[in-house]
C-alpha atoms as a PDB file:
ATOM      1  CA  MET A   1       0.000   0.000   0.000  1.00  0.00           C
ATOM      2  CA  LYS A   2       1.384   3.345  -1.038  1.00  0.00           C
ATOM      3  CA  ILE A   3      -0.284   6.272   0.702  1.00  0.00           C
ATOM      4  CA  LEU A   4       0.235   9.993   0.223  1.00  0.00           C
ATOM      5  CA  ILE A   5      -0.217  12.294   3.227  1.00  0.00           C
ATOM      6  CA  VAL A   6      -0.761  15.982   2.412  1.00  0.00           C
ATOM      7  CA  LEU A   7       0.048  18.626   5.023  1.00  0.00           C
ATOM      8  CA  THR A   8      -0.662  22.373   4.948  1.00  0.00           C
ATOM      9  CA  SER A   9       2.080  24.944   4.278  1.00  0.00           C
ATOM     10  CA  HIS A  10       0.119  27.813   5.849  1.00  0.00           C
ATOM     11  CA  SER A  11       1.347  29.201   9.175  1.00  0.00           C
ATOM     12  CA  GLU A  12      -0.577  32.451   9.844  1.00  0.00           C
ATOM     13  CA  MET A  13      -3.968  32.524  11.600  1.00  0.00           C
ATOM     14  CA  GLY A  14      -5.501  35.247   9.426  1.00  0.00           C
ATOM     15  CA  ASN A  15      -4.642  38.707  10.783  1.00  0.00           C
ATOM     16  CA  SER A  16      -4.761  37.579  14.409  1.00  0.00           C
ATOM     17  CA  GLY A  17      -0.973  37.451  14.811  1.00  0.00           C
ATOM     18  CA  GLU A  18      -1.315  33.835  15.995  1.00  0.00           C
ATOM     19  CA  LYS A  19       0.377  30.898  14.310  1.00  0.00           C
ATOM     20  CA  THR A  20      -1.257  27.822  12.824  1.00  0.00           C
ATOM     21  CA  GLY A  21      -0.267  24.861  10.649  1.00  0.00           C
ATOM     22  CA  PHE A  22      -1.029  21.152  10.824  1.00  0.00           C
ATOM     23  CA  TRP A  23      -2.271  19.528  14.035  1.00  0.00           C
ATOM     24  CA  ILE A  24       0.380  17.017  15.136  1.00  0.00           C
ATOM     25  CA  GLU A  25      -1.954  14.347  16.515  1.00  0.00           C
ATOM     26  CA  GLU A  26      -4.036  14.344  13.320  1.00  0.00           C
ATOM     27  CA  PHE A  27      -0.867  13.460  11.432  1.00  0.00           C
ATOM     28  CA  THR A  28       0.909  11.138  13.873  1.00  0.00           C
ATOM     29  CA  THR A  29      -2.009   8.879  14.835  1.00  0.00           C
ATOM     30  CA  PRO A  30      -3.013   8.096  11.213  1.00  0.00           C
ATOM     31  CA  TYR A  31       0.628   7.869  10.161  1.00  0.00           C
ATOM     32  CA  TYR A  32       1.407   5.139  12.680  1.00  0.00           C
ATOM     33  CA  VAL A  33      -1.894   3.286  12.091  1.00  0.00           C
ATOM     34  CA  LEU A  34      -1.036   3.121   8.378  1.00  0.00           C
ATOM     35  CA  ALA A  35       2.728   2.568   8.724  1.00  0.00           C
ATOM     36  CA  ASP A  36       2.288  -0.170  11.356  1.00  0.00           C
ATOM     37  CA  ALA A  37      -0.024  -1.943   8.895  1.00  0.00           C
ATOM     38  CA  GLY A  38       2.815  -1.951   6.364  1.00  0.00           C
ATOM     39  CA  ALA A  39       1.921   1.075   4.268  1.00  0.00           C
ATOM     40  CA  ASN A  40       4.643   2.942   2.429  1.00  0.00           C
ATOM     41  CA  ILE A  41       3.965   6.634   3.139  1.00  0.00           C
ATOM     42  CA  THR A  42       5.044   9.755   1.270  1.00  0.00           C
ATOM     43  CA  ILE A  43       4.527  13.241   2.733  1.00  0.00           C
ATOM     44  CA  ALA A  44       3.826  16.318   0.616  1.00  0.00           C
ATOM     45  CA  SER A  45       2.766  19.949   1.136  1.00  0.00           C
ATOM     46  CA  PRO A  46       2.061  22.876  -1.208  1.00  0.00           C
ATOM     47  CA  LYS A  47       5.472  24.500  -0.654  1.00  0.00           C
ATOM     48  CA  GLY A  48       7.472  21.363   0.191  1.00  0.00           C
ATOM     49  CA  GLY A  49      10.049  21.298   2.982  1.00  0.00           C
ATOM     50  CA  GLN A  50       9.035  21.706   6.629  1.00  0.00           C
ATOM     51  CA  PRO A  51       5.273  22.187   6.988  1.00  0.00           C
ATOM     52  CA  PRO A  52       4.352  24.502   9.887  1.00  0.00           C
ATOM     53  CA  VAL A  53       3.087  22.889  13.071  1.00  0.00           C
ATOM     54  CA  ASP A  54       0.165  24.432  14.956  1.00  0.00           C
ATOM     55  CA  PRO A  55       1.790  25.524  18.252  1.00  0.00           C
ATOM     56  CA  LYS A  56      -1.382  24.639  20.193  1.00  0.00           C
ATOM     57  CA  SER A  57      -0.980  21.024  19.080  1.00  0.00           C
ATOM     58  CA  GLU A  58       2.366  20.952  20.904  1.00  0.00           C
ATOM     59  CA  LEU A  59       0.815  21.881  24.263  1.00  0.00           C
ATOM     60  CA  ALA A  60       0.739  19.251  27.016  1.00  0.00           C
ATOM     61  CA  ASP A  61      -3.023  18.650  26.895  1.00  0.00           C
ATOM     62  CA  ALA A  62      -2.900  17.882  23.154  1.00  0.00           C
ATOM     63  CA  GLN A  63      -0.431  15.011  23.495  1.00  0.00           C
ATOM     64  CA  THR A  64      -1.294  11.371  22.803  1.00  0.00           C
ATOM     65  CA  PRO A  65       0.723   8.139  22.612  1.00  0.00           C
ATOM     66  CA  SER A  66       1.275   8.773  18.890  1.00  0.00           C
ATOM     67  CA  THR A  67       2.663  12.292  19.401  1.00  0.00           C
ATOM     68  CA  GLU A  68       5.001  11.014  22.132  1.00  0.00           C
ATOM     69  CA  ARG A  69       6.183   8.333  19.706  1.00  0.00           C
ATOM     70  CA  PHE A  70       6.710  10.952  16.988  1.00  0.00           C
ATOM     71  CA  TYR A  71       8.937  13.176  19.150  1.00  0.00           C
ATOM     72  CA  LYS A  72      11.334  10.238  19.544  1.00  0.00           C
ATOM     73  CA  ASP A  73      11.137   9.195  15.877  1.00  0.00           C
ATOM     74  CA  ASN A  74      13.986  11.040  14.186  1.00  0.00           C
ATOM     75  CA  VAL A  75      13.425   9.275  10.876  1.00  0.00           C
ATOM     76  CA  LEU A  76       9.832  10.512  10.670  1.00  0.00           C
ATOM     77  CA  ILE A  77      10.727  14.006  11.945  1.00  0.00           C
ATOM     78  CA  ASP A  78      13.229  14.175   9.075  1.00  0.00           C
ATOM     79  CA  LYS A  79      10.685  12.845   6.593  1.00  0.00           C
ATOM     80  CA  VAL A  80       8.235  15.608   7.559  1.00  0.00           C
ATOM     81  CA  ALA A  81      10.963  18.289   7.378  1.00  0.00           C
ATOM     82  CA  TYR A  82      11.698  17.327   3.764  1.00  0.00           C
ATOM     83  CA  SER A  83       8.145  16.969   2.494  1.00  0.00           C
ATOM     84  CA  PHE A  84       7.739  16.843  -1.277  1.00  0.00           C
ATOM     85  CA  LYS A  85       6.115  19.714  -3.159  1.00  0.00           C
ATOM     86  CA  LEU A  86       2.526  18.912  -4.109  1.00  0.00           C
ATOM     87  CA  SER A  87       3.337  19.818  -7.712  1.00  0.00           C
ATOM     88  CA  GLU A  88       5.898  16.960  -7.759  1.00  0.00           C
ATOM     89  CA  VAL A  89       3.545  14.117  -6.741  1.00  0.00           C
ATOM     90  CA  LYS A  90       1.165  12.159  -8.973  1.00  0.00           C
ATOM     91  CA  GLN A  91      -1.867  10.084  -8.034  1.00  0.00           C
ATOM     92  CA  GLU A  92      -0.702   7.150 -10.204  1.00  0.00           C
ATOM     93  CA  ASP A  93       2.128   6.512  -7.714  1.00  0.00           C
ATOM     94  CA  PHE A  94      -0.288   5.950  -4.803  1.00  0.00           C
ATOM     95  CA  ASP A  95      -3.273   3.859  -3.697  1.00  0.00           C
ATOM     96  CA  ALA A  96      -4.880   6.525  -1.487  1.00  0.00           C
ATOM     97  CA  VAL A  97      -4.442  10.032  -0.083  1.00  0.00           C
ATOM     98  CA  PHE A  98      -4.906  11.293   3.482  1.00  0.00           C
ATOM     99  CA  TYR A  99      -5.219  14.923   4.601  1.00  0.00           C
ATOM    100  CA  PRO A 100      -4.618  15.772   8.307  1.00  0.00           C
ATOM    101  CA  GLY A 101      -6.153  18.974   9.689  1.00  0.00           C
ATOM    102  CA  GLY A 102      -5.132  21.953  11.740  1.00  0.00           C
ATOM    103  CA  HIS A 103      -6.460  25.380  10.724  1.00  0.00           C
ATOM    104  CA  GLY A 104      -3.858  25.812   7.964  1.00  0.00           C
ATOM    105  CA  PRO A 105      -5.854  23.988   5.218  1.00  0.00           C
ATOM    106  CA  LEU A 106      -8.638  26.606   5.457  1.00  0.00           C
ATOM    107  CA  TRP A 107      -6.207  29.101   3.942  1.00  0.00           C
ATOM    108  CA  ASP A 108      -4.053  27.149   1.488  1.00  0.00           C
ATOM    109  CA  LEU A 109      -5.445  23.703   0.620  1.00  0.00           C
ATOM    110  CA  ALA A 110      -8.975  25.024   0.047  1.00  0.00           C
ATOM    111  CA  THR A 111      -7.766  26.887  -3.047  1.00  0.00           C
ATOM    112  CA  ASP A 112      -4.476  25.146  -3.949  1.00  0.00           C
ATOM    113  CA  LYS A 113      -4.724  24.105  -7.626  1.00  0.00           C
ATOM    114  CA  ASP A 114      -2.278  21.200  -7.277  1.00  0.00           C
ATOM    115  CA  SER A 115      -4.229  19.827  -4.320  1.00  0.00           C
ATOM    116  CA  ILE A 116      -7.578  20.230  -6.083  1.00  0.00           C
ATOM    117  CA  GLN A 117      -6.310  18.438  -9.208  1.00  0.00           C
ATOM    118  CA  LEU A 118      -4.741  15.706  -7.099  1.00  0.00           C
ATOM    119  CA  ILE A 119      -7.952  14.972  -5.178  1.00  0.00           C
ATOM    120  CA  GLU A 120      -9.927  14.939  -8.438  1.00  0.00           C
ATOM    121  CA  ALA A 121      -7.397  12.516  -9.963  1.00  0.00           C
ATOM    122  CA  PHE A 122      -7.528  10.148  -6.963  1.00  0.00           C
ATOM    123  CA  TYR A 123     -11.322  10.185  -6.963  1.00  0.00           C
ATOM    124  CA  ASN A 124     -11.658   9.740 -10.745  1.00  0.00           C
ATOM    125  CA  HIS A 125      -9.287   6.760 -10.580  1.00  0.00           C
ATOM    126  CA  GLN A 126     -11.415   5.097  -7.880  1.00  0.00           C
ATOM    127  CA  LYS A 127      -8.905   5.593  -5.067  1.00  0.00           C
ATOM    128  CA  PRO A 128      -9.908   6.393  -1.462  1.00  0.00           C
ATOM    129  CA  ILE A 129      -9.550   9.986  -0.235  1.00  0.00           C
ATOM    130  CA  ALA A 130      -9.562  10.684   3.519  1.00  0.00           C
ATOM    131  CA  PHE A 131      -9.687  13.923   5.539  1.00  0.00           C
ATOM    132  CA  VAL A 132      -9.866  14.804   9.223  1.00  0.00           C
ATOM    133  CA  CYS A 133     -10.951  17.904  11.192  1.00  0.00           C
ATOM    134  CA  HIS A 134     -10.301  21.064   9.097  1.00  0.00           C
ATOM    135  CA  ALA A 135      -8.809  19.103   6.190  1.00  0.00           C
ATOM    136  CA  PRO A 136     -12.181  18.693   4.383  1.00  0.00           C
ATOM    137  CA  ALA A 137     -11.597  22.372   3.505  1.00  0.00           C
ATOM    138  CA  ALA A 138      -9.441  20.887   0.725  1.00  0.00           C
ATOM    139  CA  LEU A 139     -12.684  19.565  -0.838  1.00  0.00           C
ATOM    140  CA  VAL A 140     -14.658  22.792  -1.177  1.00  0.00           C
ATOM    141  CA  ASN A 141     -13.390  23.599  -4.695  1.00  0.00           C
ATOM    142  CA  VAL A 142     -13.041  20.008  -5.930  1.00  0.00           C
ATOM    143  CA  LYS A 143     -15.297  19.021  -8.828  1.00  0.00           C
ATOM    144  CA  THR A 144     -16.485  15.710 -10.266  1.00  0.00           C
ATOM    145  CA  LYS A 145     -16.121  14.832 -13.960  1.00  0.00           C
ATOM    146  CA  ASN A 146     -19.518  16.410 -14.692  1.00  0.00           C
ATOM    147  CA  GLY A 147     -18.442  19.740 -13.180  1.00  0.00           C
ATOM    148  CA  GLU A 148     -20.473  19.491  -9.972  1.00  0.00           C
ATOM    149  CA  SER A 149     -19.017  19.963  -6.507  1.00  0.00           C
ATOM    150  CA  LEU A 150     -17.557  16.637  -5.349  1.00  0.00           C
ATOM    151  CA  VAL A 151     -19.153  17.017  -1.926  1.00  0.00           C
ATOM    152  CA  LYS A 152     -22.663  17.573  -3.352  1.00  0.00           C
ATOM    153  CA  GLY A 153     -24.985  14.875  -2.009  1.00  0.00           C
ATOM    154  CA  LYS A 154     -22.139  13.197  -0.099  1.00  0.00           C
ATOM    155  CA  GLU A 155     -22.422  12.203   3.549  1.00  0.00           C
ATOM    156  CA  LEU A 156     -19.479  13.722   5.354  1.00  0.00           C
ATOM    157  CA  THR A 157     -18.269  15.487   8.475  1.00  0.00           C
ATOM    158  CA  GLY A 158     -15.578  17.943   9.516  1.00  0.00           C
ATOM    159  CA  PHE A 159     -14.778  20.464  12.253  1.00  0.00           C
ATOM    160  CA  SER A 160     -18.141  21.783  13.441  1.00  0.00           C
ATOM    161  CA  ASN A 161     -19.344  25.346  14.007  1.00  0.00           C
ATOM    162  CA  THR A 162     -19.782  24.618  17.727  1.00  0.00           C
ATOM    163  CA  GLU A 163     -16.184  23.384  17.998  1.00  0.00           C
ATOM    164  CA  GLU A 164     -14.960  26.499  16.152  1.00  0.00           C
ATOM    165  CA  GLU A 165     -16.932  28.628  18.624  1.00  0.00           C
ATOM    166  CA  ALA A 166     -15.376  26.715  21.518  1.00  0.00           C
ATOM    167  CA  VAL A 167     -11.845  27.586  20.333  1.00  0.00           C
ATOM    168  CA  LYS A 168     -12.993  31.219  19.755  1.00  0.00           C
ATOM    169  CA  LEU A 169     -11.860  31.362  16.122  1.00  0.00           C
ATOM    170  CA  THR A 170     -15.212  31.891  14.409  1.00  0.00           C
ATOM    171  CA  LYS A 171     -14.272  35.480  13.498  1.00  0.00           C
ATOM    172  CA  VAL A 172     -10.676  34.624  12.532  1.00  0.00           C
ATOM    173  CA  VAL A 173     -11.104  31.786  10.018  1.00  0.00           C
ATOM    174  CA  PRO A 174     -11.760  32.616   6.328  1.00  0.00           C
ATOM    175  CA  PHE A 175     -14.938  30.505   6.460  1.00  0.00           C
ATOM    176  CA  LEU A 176     -16.736  28.114   8.806  1.00  0.00           C
ATOM    177  CA  LEU A 177     -16.063  24.641   7.448  1.00  0.00           C
ATOM    178  CA  GLU A 178     -19.460  23.186   8.361  1.00  0.00           C
ATOM    179  CA  ASP A 179     -21.271  26.065   6.595  1.00  0.00           C
ATOM    180  CA  GLU A 180     -19.002  25.939   3.546  1.00  0.00           C
ATOM    181  CA  LEU A 181     -19.485  22.202   3.041  1.00  0.00           C
ATOM    182  CA  LYS A 182     -23.262  22.573   3.334  1.00  0.00           C
ATOM    183  CA  LYS A 183     -23.162  25.503   0.883  1.00  0.00           C
ATOM    184  CA  HIS A 184     -21.617  23.161  -1.687  1.00  0.00           C
ATOM    185  CA  GLY A 185     -24.396  20.622  -1.178  1.00  0.00           C
ATOM    186  CA  ALA A 186     -22.727  18.245   1.283  1.00  0.00           C
ATOM    187  CA  LEU A 187     -24.921  16.140   3.566  1.00  0.00           C
ATOM    188  CA  TYR A 188     -23.013  17.270   6.637  1.00  0.00           C
ATOM    189  CA  SER A 189     -23.488  15.606  10.011  1.00  0.00           C
ATOM    190  CA  LYS A 190     -21.601  15.693  13.295  1.00  0.00           C
ATOM    191  CA  GLY A 191     -21.264  13.867  16.570  1.00  0.00           C
ATOM    192  CA  ASN A 192     -20.656  15.376  20.003  1.00  0.00           C
ATOM    193  CA  ASP A 193     -18.025  18.102  20.186  1.00  0.00           C
ATOM    194  CA  TRP A 194     -14.505  16.659  20.600  1.00  0.00           C
ATOM    195  CA  ALA A 195     -15.725  13.032  20.398  1.00  0.00           C
ATOM    196  CA  SER A 196     -14.680  10.676  17.602  1.00  0.00           C
ATOM    197  CA  TYR A 197     -17.097  10.814  14.674  1.00  0.00           C
ATOM    198  CA  VAL A 198     -16.420   9.533  11.153  1.00  0.00           C
ATOM    199  CA  LYS A 199     -18.417   9.222   7.941  1.00  0.00           C
ATOM    200  CA  GLN A 200     -17.768   7.197   4.829  1.00  0.00           C
ATOM    201  CA  ASP A 201     -19.514   7.775   1.503  1.00  0.00           C
ATOM    202  CA  GLY A 202     -18.015   5.414  -1.056  1.00  0.00           C
ATOM    203  CA  LEU A 203     -14.378   6.436  -1.498  1.00  0.00           C
ATOM    204  CA  LEU A 204     -14.740   9.572   0.633  1.00  0.00           C
ATOM    205  CA  ILE A 205     -13.811   9.208   4.314  1.00  0.00           C
ATOM    206  CA  THR A 206     -14.033  12.121   6.770  1.00  0.00           C
ATOM    207  CA  GLY A 207     -13.524  12.649  10.516  1.00  0.00           C
ATOM    208  CA  GLN A 208     -14.848  15.517  12.620  1.00  0.00           C
ATOM    209  CA  ASN A 209     -11.973  16.473  14.930  1.00  0.00           C
ATOM    210  CA  PRO A 210      -8.604  15.370  16.383  1.00  0.00           C
ATOM    211  CA  ALA A 211     -10.248  12.521  18.310  1.00  0.00           C
ATOM    212  CA  SER A 212     -11.468  11.079  14.987  1.00  0.00           C
ATOM    213  CA  SER A 213      -8.049  10.800  13.337  1.00  0.00           C
ATOM    214  CA  GLY A 214      -7.355   7.184  14.319  1.00  0.00           C
ATOM    215  CA  ALA A 215     -10.813   6.023  13.236  1.00  0.00           C
ATOM    216  CA  VAL A 216     -10.397   7.721   9.840  1.00  0.00           C
ATOM    217  CA  ALA A 217      -7.071   5.946   9.303  1.00  0.00           C
ATOM    218  CA  GLU A 218      -8.583   2.567  10.324  1.00  0.00           C
ATOM    219  CA  LEU A 219     -11.444   3.109   7.875  1.00  0.00           C
ATOM    220  CA  LEU A 220      -8.993   4.054   5.114  1.00  0.00           C
ATOM    221  CA  LEU A 221      -7.009   0.901   5.834  1.00  0.00           C
ATOM    222  CA  LYS A 222     -10.164  -1.251   5.723  1.00  0.00           C
ATOM    223  CA  THR A 223     -11.263   0.381   2.456  1.00  0.00           C
ATOM    224  CA  LEU A 224      -7.876  -0.311   0.863  1.00  0.00           C
ATOM    225  CA  THR A 225      -7.849  -3.912   2.124  1.00  0.00           C
ATOM    226  CA  ASP A 226     -11.399  -4.527   0.872  1.00  0.00           C
ATOM    227  CA  LYS A 227     -10.458  -3.108  -2.545  1.00  0.00           C
ATOM    228  CA  LYS A 228      -7.626  -5.627  -2.868  1.00  0.00           C
END
């Protein structure tokens, strides 16, 4: 199994002066679920090189067994630091793609042409696409072959309005993910705030928040195994 993981390259939280990036746990938990199952994983980001880490995801209360494992894993730390540029990767080299969240994707991956084309290529070639937390922002401008929004009529989830309110960033983010997905015709649903909640609609797998990242990876793994 060859899996591509796409991380954000965006580090500024709008005009707030705060930093953002990818959320460590949403990368490390899925990474180890997939790698421990034997997957060969490549990491890419729009700009390549070291993707920015959301500083809040490095705080003590955001740590999990997978983040602790990551901090001791110099090989993986190095792999992240030298991520490939999105423009250099092709869907034909992979079996699936996974997008971790953090607030960064709201700014760059939502409109990144390379990312949009990549997701469309994976989907059109019948390959699973998986997203967690804010990463479904990468779907808002993705189209199907007939020119419709890919999320239209699809059952999915993502970071909810109530969770965004809880972290007091409703006025900072460029759009509220839940509203934006619904605007594009998605059949959005959510579980309890901060609890694991995942949805699968065919090849599209989504998770609501950091707590959902492991379940999304397990579902991606099952989908790949069932395909074989």
